N, C-alpha and C. Protein backbone atom coordinates (compact mmCIF):
# COMPACT_ATOMS: atom_id res chain seq x y z
N ASP A 1 49.15 -14.22 -46.15
CA ASP A 1 48.17 -15.04 -45.46
C ASP A 1 47.50 -15.98 -46.47
N ALA A 2 47.49 -17.24 -46.15
CA ALA A 2 46.93 -18.24 -47.05
C ALA A 2 45.46 -18.00 -47.34
N ARG A 3 44.72 -17.58 -46.31
CA ARG A 3 43.29 -17.34 -46.49
C ARG A 3 43.05 -16.27 -47.56
N GLN A 4 43.84 -15.22 -47.54
CA GLN A 4 43.71 -14.16 -48.54
C GLN A 4 44.08 -14.67 -49.93
N ALA A 5 45.13 -15.44 -50.00
CA ALA A 5 45.56 -15.97 -51.30
C ALA A 5 44.48 -16.86 -51.91
N PHE A 6 43.91 -17.75 -51.13
CA PHE A 6 42.86 -18.62 -51.66
C PHE A 6 41.62 -17.81 -52.01
N GLY A 7 41.33 -16.77 -51.22
CA GLY A 7 40.21 -15.89 -51.54
C GLY A 7 40.40 -15.20 -52.88
N ARG A 8 41.63 -14.77 -53.17
CA ARG A 8 41.92 -14.15 -54.46
C ARG A 8 41.73 -15.14 -55.61
N VAL A 9 42.16 -16.36 -55.39
CA VAL A 9 41.98 -17.39 -56.43
C VAL A 9 40.49 -17.55 -56.73
N LEU A 10 39.67 -17.56 -55.68
CA LEU A 10 38.23 -17.76 -55.88
C LEU A 10 37.55 -16.57 -56.55
N LYS A 11 38.14 -15.38 -56.43
CA LYS A 11 37.59 -14.23 -57.15
C LYS A 11 37.68 -14.44 -58.65
N PHE A 12 38.76 -15.06 -59.09
CA PHE A 12 38.97 -15.31 -60.51
C PHE A 12 38.32 -16.61 -60.98
N ASP A 13 38.24 -17.58 -60.08
CA ASP A 13 37.68 -18.88 -60.42
C ASP A 13 36.89 -19.41 -59.22
N PRO A 14 35.61 -19.00 -59.08
CA PRO A 14 34.82 -19.37 -57.90
C PRO A 14 34.59 -20.86 -57.73
N ALA A 15 34.87 -21.64 -58.75
CA ALA A 15 34.67 -23.09 -58.68
C ALA A 15 35.99 -23.84 -58.54
N ARG A 16 37.02 -23.18 -58.07
CA ARG A 16 38.34 -23.82 -57.93
C ARG A 16 38.34 -24.71 -56.69
N ALA A 17 38.21 -26.01 -56.91
CA ALA A 17 38.04 -26.97 -55.81
C ALA A 17 39.21 -26.95 -54.83
N GLU A 18 40.42 -26.81 -55.33
CA GLU A 18 41.59 -26.83 -54.44
C GLU A 18 41.55 -25.68 -53.44
N ALA A 19 41.18 -24.49 -53.91
CA ALA A 19 41.11 -23.32 -53.02
C ALA A 19 39.99 -23.49 -52.00
N LEU A 20 38.84 -23.98 -52.45
CA LEU A 20 37.73 -24.20 -51.53
C LEU A 20 38.11 -25.22 -50.46
N PHE A 21 38.77 -26.29 -50.88
CA PHE A 21 39.17 -27.33 -49.93
C PHE A 21 40.12 -26.76 -48.88
N GLN A 22 41.11 -26.00 -49.32
CA GLN A 22 42.10 -25.46 -48.39
C GLN A 22 41.49 -24.42 -47.46
N LEU A 23 40.51 -23.65 -47.94
CA LEU A 23 39.82 -22.72 -47.05
C LEU A 23 39.06 -23.49 -45.98
N GLY A 24 38.52 -24.65 -46.34
CA GLY A 24 37.89 -25.51 -45.34
C GLY A 24 38.88 -25.99 -44.30
N VAL A 25 40.05 -26.37 -44.75
CA VAL A 25 41.10 -26.82 -43.83
C VAL A 25 41.47 -25.69 -42.87
N LEU A 26 41.64 -24.49 -43.40
CA LEU A 26 42.00 -23.34 -42.56
C LEU A 26 40.89 -23.02 -41.56
N ALA A 27 39.65 -23.08 -42.00
CA ALA A 27 38.52 -22.81 -41.09
C ALA A 27 38.47 -23.86 -39.99
N ALA A 28 38.66 -25.12 -40.34
CA ALA A 28 38.65 -26.18 -39.33
C ALA A 28 39.79 -26.01 -38.33
N ALA A 29 40.94 -25.60 -38.82
CA ALA A 29 42.08 -25.37 -37.92
C ALA A 29 41.77 -24.27 -36.90
N ASP A 30 40.92 -23.35 -37.29
CA ASP A 30 40.49 -22.27 -36.38
C ASP A 30 39.23 -22.65 -35.61
N ARG A 31 38.84 -23.91 -35.70
CA ARG A 31 37.66 -24.45 -35.03
C ARG A 31 36.35 -23.79 -35.48
N ARG A 32 36.33 -23.35 -36.73
CA ARG A 32 35.12 -22.81 -37.35
C ARG A 32 34.56 -23.93 -38.25
N PHE A 33 34.01 -24.95 -37.60
CA PHE A 33 33.66 -26.17 -38.29
C PHE A 33 32.49 -25.99 -39.26
N ARG A 34 31.50 -25.20 -38.89
CA ARG A 34 30.37 -24.99 -39.81
C ARG A 34 30.84 -24.30 -41.09
N GLU A 35 31.72 -23.34 -40.95
CA GLU A 35 32.28 -22.67 -42.13
C GLU A 35 33.08 -23.66 -42.97
N ALA A 36 33.87 -24.49 -42.31
CA ALA A 36 34.67 -25.50 -43.01
C ALA A 36 33.76 -26.46 -43.78
N ILE A 37 32.69 -26.89 -43.14
CA ILE A 37 31.74 -27.79 -43.80
C ILE A 37 31.18 -27.14 -45.05
N GLY A 38 30.88 -25.85 -44.98
CA GLY A 38 30.37 -25.13 -46.15
C GLY A 38 31.35 -25.14 -47.31
N PHE A 39 32.63 -24.90 -47.00
CA PHE A 39 33.64 -24.94 -48.06
C PHE A 39 33.75 -26.33 -48.66
N TRP A 40 33.77 -27.35 -47.80
CA TRP A 40 33.91 -28.71 -48.31
C TRP A 40 32.69 -29.16 -49.11
N ARG A 41 31.52 -28.70 -48.72
CA ARG A 41 30.32 -29.03 -49.51
C ARG A 41 30.42 -28.41 -50.90
N ARG A 42 30.97 -27.21 -50.97
CA ARG A 42 31.16 -26.57 -52.27
C ARG A 42 32.13 -27.38 -53.13
N VAL A 43 33.17 -27.94 -52.50
CA VAL A 43 34.11 -28.79 -53.24
C VAL A 43 33.35 -29.94 -53.88
N VAL A 44 32.50 -30.59 -53.12
CA VAL A 44 31.74 -31.73 -53.64
C VAL A 44 30.79 -31.28 -54.74
N GLU A 45 30.24 -30.08 -54.62
CA GLU A 45 29.33 -29.57 -55.66
C GLU A 45 30.07 -29.29 -56.96
N VAL A 46 31.23 -28.64 -56.88
CA VAL A 46 31.91 -28.20 -58.10
C VAL A 46 32.77 -29.30 -58.72
N ALA A 47 33.21 -30.25 -57.92
CA ALA A 47 34.07 -31.33 -58.44
C ALA A 47 33.71 -32.63 -57.73
N PRO A 48 32.55 -33.21 -58.04
CA PRO A 48 32.08 -34.37 -57.27
C PRO A 48 32.90 -35.65 -57.42
N GLU A 49 33.72 -35.71 -58.43
CA GLU A 49 34.55 -36.90 -58.64
C GLU A 49 35.98 -36.59 -58.23
N GLY A 50 36.67 -37.59 -57.77
CA GLY A 50 38.10 -37.44 -57.52
C GLY A 50 38.48 -37.38 -56.05
N ALA A 51 39.77 -37.26 -55.86
CA ALA A 51 40.35 -37.33 -54.53
C ALA A 51 39.93 -36.19 -53.62
N LEU A 52 39.84 -34.97 -54.17
CA LEU A 52 39.44 -33.83 -53.33
C LEU A 52 38.01 -34.00 -52.82
N ALA A 53 37.11 -34.44 -53.66
CA ALA A 53 35.73 -34.66 -53.23
C ALA A 53 35.66 -35.76 -52.17
N ASP A 54 36.43 -36.81 -52.37
CA ASP A 54 36.46 -37.89 -51.38
C ASP A 54 36.98 -37.38 -50.04
N ALA A 55 38.06 -36.61 -50.08
CA ALA A 55 38.63 -36.05 -48.85
C ALA A 55 37.64 -35.07 -48.21
N ALA A 56 36.98 -34.27 -49.02
CA ALA A 56 36.01 -33.31 -48.51
C ALA A 56 34.87 -34.03 -47.80
N ARG A 57 34.37 -35.11 -48.40
CA ARG A 57 33.29 -35.88 -47.77
C ARG A 57 33.72 -36.44 -46.42
N GLY A 58 34.92 -36.96 -46.36
CA GLY A 58 35.44 -37.47 -45.09
C GLY A 58 35.59 -36.38 -44.05
N ASN A 59 36.08 -35.21 -44.49
CA ASN A 59 36.23 -34.09 -43.57
C ASN A 59 34.88 -33.58 -43.08
N ILE A 60 33.88 -33.59 -43.96
CA ILE A 60 32.53 -33.18 -43.56
C ILE A 60 32.01 -34.10 -42.47
N ASP A 61 32.17 -35.39 -42.66
CA ASP A 61 31.70 -36.35 -41.66
C ASP A 61 32.37 -36.12 -40.31
N THR A 62 33.68 -35.93 -40.34
CA THR A 62 34.43 -35.70 -39.11
C THR A 62 34.00 -34.40 -38.44
N ALA A 63 33.88 -33.34 -39.23
CA ALA A 63 33.49 -32.04 -38.68
C ALA A 63 32.09 -32.08 -38.09
N LEU A 64 31.17 -32.79 -38.75
CA LEU A 64 29.82 -32.92 -38.21
C LEU A 64 29.84 -33.64 -36.87
N ASP A 65 30.67 -34.66 -36.74
CA ASP A 65 30.83 -35.35 -35.46
C ASP A 65 31.32 -34.39 -34.39
N VAL A 66 32.30 -33.58 -34.71
CA VAL A 66 32.85 -32.63 -33.75
C VAL A 66 31.79 -31.60 -33.34
N VAL A 67 31.06 -31.09 -34.32
CA VAL A 67 30.01 -30.11 -34.03
C VAL A 67 28.97 -30.71 -33.08
N HIS A 68 28.57 -31.96 -33.34
CA HIS A 68 27.56 -32.60 -32.49
C HIS A 68 28.07 -32.85 -31.08
N VAL A 69 29.31 -33.19 -30.95
CA VAL A 69 29.88 -33.46 -29.63
C VAL A 69 29.90 -32.19 -28.78
N PHE A 70 30.19 -31.05 -29.40
CA PHE A 70 30.36 -29.82 -28.64
C PHE A 70 29.11 -28.95 -28.62
N GLN A 71 27.97 -29.48 -29.03
CA GLN A 71 26.74 -28.70 -28.94
C GLN A 71 26.17 -28.76 -27.56
């Protein structure tokens, strides 16, 4: 299970942006948008520069839109 694998990576390296980003993707795929937003915010915190942070910011904006629509 990918979720378990990324969780193991984070046990050894809690600031691993790639694992945090992918956990956000998995959470969003399961429609757990608030959880996904939390993972993506951590990506921006630990690695604010670069493509992953840019993608995380875009995903946060989209997920917030979805959350607001379905409230």
